[in-house]
Amino acid sequence: MGQNRTSTEGASRKVTFLGRGLGLRSPTKLTLLVCPLCSQRNGDRMAEKGVCEWCAYEPAERDEEPFGTER
């Protein structure tokens, strides 16, 4: 309540890593949903930490690219 839902401040945007995987980037953190290295879907707890639970991949910010048509 009291939040401006039309504001994009604090909103997450979809990103990939050199065209692979899927993550959500917010102003303060990265949520890793699908690993670009092993292509596995990440569990909720590790996704929130930004690390792949299957291969321990940690994405580099320099590898992030906008997802799909957001370029």
PDB file of N, CA and C in Angstrom:
ATOM      1  N   MET A   1       0.829  -1.169   0.000  1.00  0.00           N
ATOM      2  CA  MET A   1       0.000   0.000   0.000  1.00  0.00           C
ATOM      3  C   MET A   1       0.880   1.240   0.000  1.00  0.00           C
ATOM      4  N   GLY A   2       0.400   2.254  -0.653  1.00  0.00           N
ATOM      5  CA  GLY A   2       1.156   3.485  -0.717  1.00  0.00           C
ATOM      6  C   GLY A   2       2.282   3.462  -1.733  1.00  0.00           C
ATOM      7  N   GLN A   3       2.439   2.354  -2.451  1.00  0.00           N
ATOM      8  CA  GLN A   3       3.489   2.276  -3.463  1.00  0.00           C
ATOM      9  C   GLN A   3       2.939   2.713  -4.804  1.00  0.00           C
ATOM     10  N   ASN A   4       3.770   3.388  -5.575  1.00  0.00           N
ATOM     11  CA  ASN A   4       3.388   3.800  -6.916  1.00  0.00           C
ATOM     12  C   ASN A   4       3.710   2.656  -7.867  1.00  0.00           C
ATOM     13  N   ARG A   5       2.713   1.891  -8.260  1.00  0.00           N
ATOM     14  CA  ARG A   5       2.936   0.706  -9.092  1.00  0.00           C
ATOM     15  C   ARG A   5       3.296   1.045 -10.531  1.00  0.00           C
ATOM     16  N   THR A   6       3.113   2.285 -10.968  1.00  0.00           N
ATOM     17  CA  THR A   6       3.469   2.655 -12.332  1.00  0.00           C
ATOM     18  C   THR A   6       4.931   3.055 -12.443  1.00  0.00           C
ATOM     19  N   SER A   7       5.596   3.233 -11.334  1.00  0.00           N
ATOM     20  CA  SER A   7       7.005   3.618 -11.340  1.00  0.00           C
ATOM     21  C   SER A   7       7.869   2.425 -11.730  1.00  0.00           C
ATOM     22  N   THR A   8       8.905   2.658 -12.537  1.00  0.00           N
ATOM     23  CA  THR A   8       9.830   1.588 -12.911  1.00  0.00           C
ATOM     24  C   THR A   8      11.030   1.542 -11.981  1.00  0.00           C
ATOM     25  N   GLU A   9      11.092   2.479 -11.040  1.00  0.00           N
ATOM     26  CA  GLU A   9      12.191   2.481 -10.084  1.00  0.00           C
ATOM     27  C   GLU A   9      12.101   1.228  -9.220  1.00  0.00           C
ATOM     28  N   GLY A  10      13.163   0.464  -9.162  1.00  0.00           N
ATOM     29  CA  GLY A  10      13.172  -0.759  -8.389  1.00  0.00           C
ATOM     30  C   GLY A  10      12.629  -1.961  -9.147  1.00  0.00           C
ATOM     31  N   ALA A  11      12.178  -1.753 -10.374  1.00  0.00           N
ATOM     32  CA  ALA A  11      11.631  -2.859 -11.165  1.00  0.00           C
ATOM     33  C   ALA A  11      12.764  -3.727 -11.699  1.00  0.00           C
ATOM     34  N   SER A  12      12.469  -5.015 -11.854  1.00  0.00           N
ATOM     35  CA  SER A  12      13.449  -5.943 -12.419  1.00  0.00           C
ATOM     36  C   SER A  12      13.298  -5.981 -13.928  1.00  0.00           C
ATOM     37  N   ARG A  13      14.424  -6.203 -14.613  1.00  0.00           N
ATOM     38  CA  ARG A  13      14.377  -6.372 -16.066  1.00  0.00           C
ATOM     39  C   ARG A  13      15.071  -7.678 -16.401  1.00  0.00           C
ATOM     40  N   LYS A  14      14.594  -8.336 -17.457  1.00  0.00           N
ATOM     41  CA  LYS A  14      15.175  -9.611 -17.874  1.00  0.00           C
ATOM     42  C   LYS A  14      16.514  -9.383 -18.557  1.00  0.00           C
ATOM     43  N   VAL A  15      17.479 -10.247 -18.245  1.00  0.00           N
ATOM     44  CA  VAL A  15      18.799 -10.190 -18.874  1.00  0.00           C
ATOM     45  C   VAL A  15      19.247 -11.601 -19.248  1.00  0.00           C
ATOM     46  N   THR A  16      20.163 -11.671 -20.209  1.00  0.00           N
ATOM     47  CA  THR A  16      20.853 -12.918 -20.542  1.00  0.00           C
ATOM     48  C   THR A  16      22.337 -12.678 -20.325  1.00  0.00           C
ATOM     49  N   PHE A  17      23.128 -13.705 -20.504  1.00  0.00           N
ATOM     50  CA  PHE A  17      24.570 -13.606 -20.308  1.00  0.00           C
ATOM     51  C   PHE A  17      25.238 -14.072 -21.589  1.00  0.00           C
ATOM     52  N   LEU A  18      25.676 -13.107 -22.391  1.00  0.00           N
ATOM     53  CA  LEU A  18      26.220 -13.363 -23.724  1.00  0.00           C
ATOM     54  C   LEU A  18      25.228 -14.173 -24.550  1.00  0.00           C
ATOM     55  N   GLY A  19      23.938 -13.860 -24.393  1.00  0.00           N
ATOM     56  CA  GLY A  19      22.887 -14.494 -25.173  1.00  0.00           C
ATOM     57  C   GLY A  19      22.376 -15.819 -24.639  1.00  0.00           C
ATOM     58  N   ARG A  20      22.839 -16.247 -23.473  1.00  0.00           N
ATOM     59  CA  ARG A  20      22.404 -17.537 -22.900  1.00  0.00           C
ATOM     60  C   ARG A  20      21.866 -17.324 -21.499  1.00  0.00           C
ATOM     61  N   GLY A  21      21.091 -18.290 -21.021  1.00  0.00           N
ATOM     62  CA  GLY A  21      20.563 -18.229 -19.665  1.00  0.00           C
ATOM     63  C   GLY A  21      19.504 -17.151 -19.516  1.00  0.00           C
ATOM     64  N   LEU A  22      19.052 -16.963 -18.293  1.00  0.00           N
ATOM     65  CA  LEU A  22      18.039 -15.951 -18.004  1.00  0.00           C
ATOM     66  C   LEU A  22      18.183 -15.483 -16.571  1.00  0.00           C
ATOM     67  N   GLY A  23      18.152 -14.183 -16.406  1.00  0.00           N
ATOM     68  CA  GLY A  23      18.214 -13.605 -15.072  1.00  0.00           C
ATOM     69  C   GLY A  23      17.308 -12.402 -14.973  1.00  0.00           C
ATOM     70  N   LEU A  24      17.095 -11.947 -13.746  1.00  0.00           N
ATOM     71  CA  LEU A  24      16.357 -10.718 -13.489  1.00  0.00           C
ATOM     72  C   LEU A  24      17.294  -9.761 -12.782  1.00  0.00           C
ATOM     73  N   ARG A  25      17.488  -8.584 -13.351  1.00  0.00           N
ATOM     74  CA  ARG A  25      18.373  -7.573 -12.769  1.00  0.00           C
ATOM     75  C   ARG A  25      17.519  -6.476 -12.147  1.00  0.00           C
ATOM     76  N   SER A  26      17.706  -6.259 -10.872  1.00  0.00           N
ATOM     77  CA  SER A  26      17.088  -5.123 -10.194  1.00  0.00           C
ATOM     78  C   SER A  26      18.218  -4.148  -9.880  1.00  0.00           C
ATOM     79  N   PRO A  27      17.908  -2.966  -9.391  1.00  0.00           N
ATOM     80  CA  PRO A  27      18.988  -2.023  -9.085  1.00  0.00           C
ATOM     81  C   PRO A  27      19.976  -2.542  -8.037  1.00  0.00           C
ATOM     82  N   THR A  28      19.543  -3.467  -7.187  1.00  0.00           N
ATOM     83  CA  THR A  28      20.409  -3.913  -6.096  1.00  0.00           C
ATOM     84  C   THR A  28      20.932  -5.336  -6.209  1.00  0.00           C
ATOM     85  N   LYS A  29      20.323  -6.180  -7.066  1.00  0.00           N
ATOM     86  CA  LYS A  29      20.790  -7.571  -7.129  1.00  0.00           C
ATOM     87  C   LYS A  29      20.432  -8.242  -8.447  1.00  0.00           C
ATOM     88  N   LEU A  30      21.005  -9.435  -8.620  1.00  0.00           N
ATOM     89  CA  LEU A  30      20.734 -10.273  -9.783  1.00  0.00           C
ATOM     90  C   LEU A  30      20.129 -11.585  -9.304  1.00  0.00           C
ATOM     91  N   THR A  31      19.020 -11.988  -9.909  1.00  0.00           N
ATOM     92  CA  THR A  31      18.407 -13.285  -9.651  1.00  0.00           C
ATOM     93  C   THR A  31      18.677 -14.152 -10.874  1.00  0.00           C
ATOM     94  N   LEU A  32      19.387 -15.268 -10.690  1.00  0.00           N
ATOM     95  CA  LEU A  32      19.766 -16.154 -11.796  1.00  0.00           C
ATOM     96  C   LEU A  32      18.729 -17.264 -11.930  1.00  0.00           C
ATOM     97  N   LEU A  33      17.872 -17.181 -12.950  1.00  0.00           N
ATOM     98  CA  LEU A  33      16.791 -18.148 -13.137  1.00  0.00           C
ATOM     99  C   LEU A  33      17.231 -19.381 -13.918  1.00  0.00           C
ATOM    100  N   VAL A  34      17.959 -19.176 -15.031  1.00  0.00           N
ATOM    101  CA  VAL A  34      18.468 -20.279 -15.856  1.00  0.00           C
ATOM    102  C   VAL A  34      19.952 -20.031 -16.096  1.00  0.00           C
ATOM    103  N   CYS A  35      20.760 -21.021 -15.790  1.00  0.00           N
ATOM    104  CA  CYS A  35      22.211 -20.882 -15.908  1.00  0.00           C
ATOM    105  C   CYS A  35      22.649 -20.867 -17.373  1.00  0.00           C
ATOM    106  N   PRO A  36      23.488 -19.905 -17.765  1.00  0.00           N
ATOM    107  CA  PRO A  36      23.978 -19.867 -19.141  1.00  0.00           C
ATOM    108  C   PRO A  36      25.066 -20.908 -19.408  1.00  0.00           C
ATOM    109  N   LEU A  37      25.663 -21.443 -18.373  1.00  0.00           N
ATOM    110  CA  LEU A  37      26.749 -22.405 -18.544  1.00  0.00           C
ATOM    111  C   LEU A  37      26.230 -23.842 -18.677  1.00  0.00           C
ATOM    112  N   CYS A  38      25.362 -24.267 -17.752  1.00  0.00           N
ATOM    113  CA  CYS A  38      24.875 -25.657 -17.782  1.00  0.00           C
ATOM    114  C   CYS A  38      23.419 -25.767 -18.244  1.00  0.00           C
ATOM    115  N   SER A  39      22.756 -24.638 -18.476  1.00  0.00           N
ATOM    116  CA  SER A  39      21.375 -24.566 -18.982  1.00  0.00           C
ATOM    117  C   SER A  39      20.322 -25.132 -18.030  1.00  0.00           C
ATOM    118  N   GLN A  40      20.676 -25.313 -16.769  1.00  0.00           N
ATOM    119  CA  GLN A  40      19.714 -25.827 -15.791  1.00  0.00           C
ATOM    120  C   GLN A  40      18.912 -24.682 -15.167  1.00  0.00           C
ATOM    121  N   ARG A  41      17.651 -24.981 -14.846  1.00  0.00           N
ATOM    122  CA  ARG A  41      16.817 -24.015 -14.133  1.00  0.00           C
ATOM    123  C   ARG A  41      17.264 -24.015 -12.675  1.00  0.00           C
ATOM    124  N   ASN A  42      17.424 -22.845 -12.124  1.00  0.00           N
ATOM    125  CA  ASN A  42      17.936 -22.685 -10.775  1.00  0.00           C
ATOM    126  C   ASN A  42      16.817 -22.785  -9.745  1.00  0.00           C
ATOM    127  N   GLY A  43      17.107 -23.334  -8.585  1.00  0.00           N
ATOM    128  CA  GLY A  43      16.158 -23.356  -7.475  1.00  0.00           C
ATOM    129  C   GLY A  43      15.995 -21.960  -6.894  1.00  0.00           C
ATOM    130  N   ASP A  44      14.876 -21.723  -6.249  1.00  0.00           N
ATOM    131  CA  ASP A  44      14.556 -20.387  -5.738  1.00  0.00           C
ATOM    132  C   ASP A  44      15.627 -19.816  -4.812  1.00  0.00           C
ATOM    133  N   ARG A  45      16.103 -20.611  -3.863  1.00  0.00           N
ATOM    134  CA  ARG A  45      17.058 -20.101  -2.880  1.00  0.00           C
ATOM    135  C   ARG A  45      18.363 -19.655  -3.533  1.00  0.00           C
ATOM    136  N   MET A  46      18.916 -20.478  -4.420  1.00  0.00           N
ATOM    137  CA  MET A  46      20.173 -20.119  -5.076  1.00  0.00           C
ATOM    138  C   MET A  46      19.958 -19.049  -6.139  1.00  0.00           C
ATOM    139  N   ALA A  47      18.793 -19.049  -6.782  1.00  0.00           N
ATOM    140  CA  ALA A  47      18.491 -18.004  -7.765  1.00  0.00           C
ATOM    141  C   ALA A  47      18.573 -16.638  -7.106  1.00  0.00           C
ATOM    142  N   GLU A  48      18.028 -16.522  -5.901  1.00  0.00           N
ATOM    143  CA  GLU A  48      18.064 -15.256  -5.164  1.00  0.00           C
ATOM    144  C   GLU A  48      19.493 -14.840  -4.828  1.00  0.00           C
ATOM    145  N   LYS A  49      20.386 -15.804  -4.670  1.00  0.00           N
ATOM    146  CA  LYS A  49      21.790 -15.500  -4.374  1.00  0.00           C
ATOM    147  C   LYS A  49      22.576 -15.158  -5.633  1.00  0.00           C
ATOM    148  N   GLY A  50      21.999 -15.459  -6.818  1.00  0.00           N
ATOM    149  CA  GLY A  50      22.673 -15.153  -8.074  1.00  0.00           C
ATOM    150  C   GLY A  50      23.732 -16.159  -8.469  1.00  0.00           C
ATOM    151  N   VAL A  51      23.631 -17.386  -7.948  1.00  0.00           N
ATOM    152  CA  VAL A  51      24.608 -18.442  -8.217  1.00  0.00           C
ATOM    153  C   VAL A  51      23.859 -19.691  -8.677  1.00  0.00           C
ATOM    154  N   CYS A  52      24.412 -20.408  -9.651  1.00  0.00           N
ATOM    155  CA  CYS A  52      23.792 -21.651 -10.119  1.00  0.00           C
ATOM    156  C   CYS A  52      23.990 -22.754  -9.078  1.00  0.00           C
ATOM    157  N   GLU A  53      22.904 -23.410  -8.694  1.00  0.00           N
ATOM    158  CA  GLU A  53      23.018 -24.495  -7.716  1.00  0.00           C
ATOM    159  C   GLU A  53      23.583 -25.772  -8.330  1.00  0.00           C
ATOM    160  N   TRP A  54      23.613 -25.874  -9.646  1.00  0.00           N
ATOM    161  CA  TRP A  54      24.083 -27.082 -10.318  1.00  0.00           C
ATOM    162  C   TRP A  54      25.581 -27.052 -10.599  1.00  0.00           C
ATOM    163  N   CYS A  55      26.091 -25.938 -11.109  1.00  0.00           N
ATOM    164  CA  CYS A  55      27.516 -25.887 -11.489  1.00  0.00           C
ATOM    165  C   CYS A  55      28.286 -24.763 -10.785  1.00  0.00           C
ATOM    166  N   ALA A  56      27.618 -24.021  -9.903  1.00  0.00           N
ATOM    167  CA  ALA A  56      28.224 -22.938  -9.114  1.00  0.00           C
ATOM    168  C   ALA A  56      28.646 -21.732  -9.955  1.00  0.00           C
ATOM    169  N   TYR A  57      28.090 -21.601 -11.159  1.00  0.00           N
ATOM    170  CA  TYR A  57      28.383 -20.447 -12.014  1.00  0.00           C
ATOM    171  C   TYR A  57      27.931 -19.161 -11.327  1.00  0.00           C
ATOM    172  N   GLU A  58      28.797 -18.143 -11.357  1.00  0.00           N
ATOM    173  CA  GLU A  58      28.465 -16.811 -10.863  1.00  0.00           C
ATOM    174  C   GLU A  58      28.593 -15.847 -12.032  1.00  0.00           C
ATOM    175  N   PRO A  59      27.497 -15.256 -12.497  1.00  0.00           N
ATOM    176  CA  PRO A  59      27.548 -14.393 -13.673  1.00  0.00           C
ATOM    177  C   PRO A  59      28.374 -13.131 -13.442  1.00  0.00           C
ATOM    178  N   ALA A  60      29.065 -12.725 -14.490  1.00  0.00           N
ATOM    179  CA  ALA A  60      29.813 -11.472 -14.467  1.00  0.00           C
ATOM    180  C   ALA A  60      28.922 -10.364 -15.030  1.00  0.00           C
ATOM    181  N   GLU A  61      28.907  -9.237 -14.367  1.00  0.00           N
ATOM    182  CA  GLU A  61      28.069  -8.118 -14.802  1.00  0.00           C
ATOM    183  C   GLU A  61      28.410  -7.684 -16.226  1.00  0.00           C
ATOM    184  N   ARG A  62      29.665  -7.807 -16.615  1.00  0.00           N
ATOM    185  CA  ARG A  62      30.077  -7.392 -17.967  1.00  0.00           C
ATOM    186  C   ARG A  62      29.467  -8.280 -19.058  1.00  0.00           C
ATOM    187  N   ASP A  63      29.021  -9.494 -18.694  1.00  0.00           N
ATOM    188  CA  ASP A  63      28.421 -10.414 -19.662  1.00  0.00           C
ATOM    189  C   ASP A  63      26.914 -10.221 -19.830  1.00  0.00           C
ATOM    190  N   GLU A  64      26.311  -9.388 -18.999  1.00  0.00           N
ATOM    191  CA  GLU A  64      24.861  -9.179 -19.064  1.00  0.00           C
ATOM    192  C   GLU A  64      24.457  -8.452 -20.337  1.00  0.00           C
ATOM    193  N   GLU A  65      23.372  -8.923 -20.939  1.00  0.00           N
ATOM    194  CA  GLU A  65      22.779  -8.276 -22.115  1.00  0.00           C
ATOM    195  C   GLU A  65      21.274  -8.210 -21.901  1.00  0.00           C
ATOM    196  N   PRO A  66      20.602  -7.203 -22.451  1.00  0.00           N
ATOM    197  CA  PRO A  66      19.136  -7.151 -22.359  1.00  0.00           C
ATOM    198  C   PRO A  66      18.520  -8.386 -23.006  1.00  0.00           C
ATOM    199  N   PHE A  67      17.418  -8.855 -22.462  1.00  0.00           N
ATOM    200  CA  PHE A  67      16.726 -10.039 -22.974  1.00  0.00           C
ATOM    201  C   PHE A  67      15.839  -9.670 -24.149  1.00  0.00           C
ATOM    202  N   GLY A  68      15.862 -10.479 -25.194  1.00  0.00           N
ATOM    203  CA  GLY A  68      14.937 -10.341 -26.322  1.00  0.00           C
ATOM    204  C   GLY A  68      14.946  -8.991 -27.000  1.00  0.00           C
ATOM    205  N   THR A  69      13.776  -8.377 -27.101  1.00  0.00           N
ATOM    206  CA  THR A  69      13.619  -7.130 -27.854  1.00  0.00           C
ATOM    207  C   THR A  69      13.921  -5.885 -27.038  1.00  0.00           C
ATOM    208  N   GLU A  70      14.433  -6.040 -25.812  1.00  0.00           N
ATOM    209  CA  GLU A  70      14.720  -4.882 -24.968  1.00  0.00           C
ATOM    210  C   GLU A  70      16.002  -4.176 -25.369  1.00  0.00           C
ATOM    211  N   ARG A  71      16.682  -4.632 -26.395  1.00  0.00           N
ATOM    212  CA  ARG A  71      17.980  -4.065 -26.805  1.00  0.00           C
ATOM    213  C   ARG A  71      17.863  -2.676 -27.316  1.00  0.00           C
TER     214      ARG A  71
END
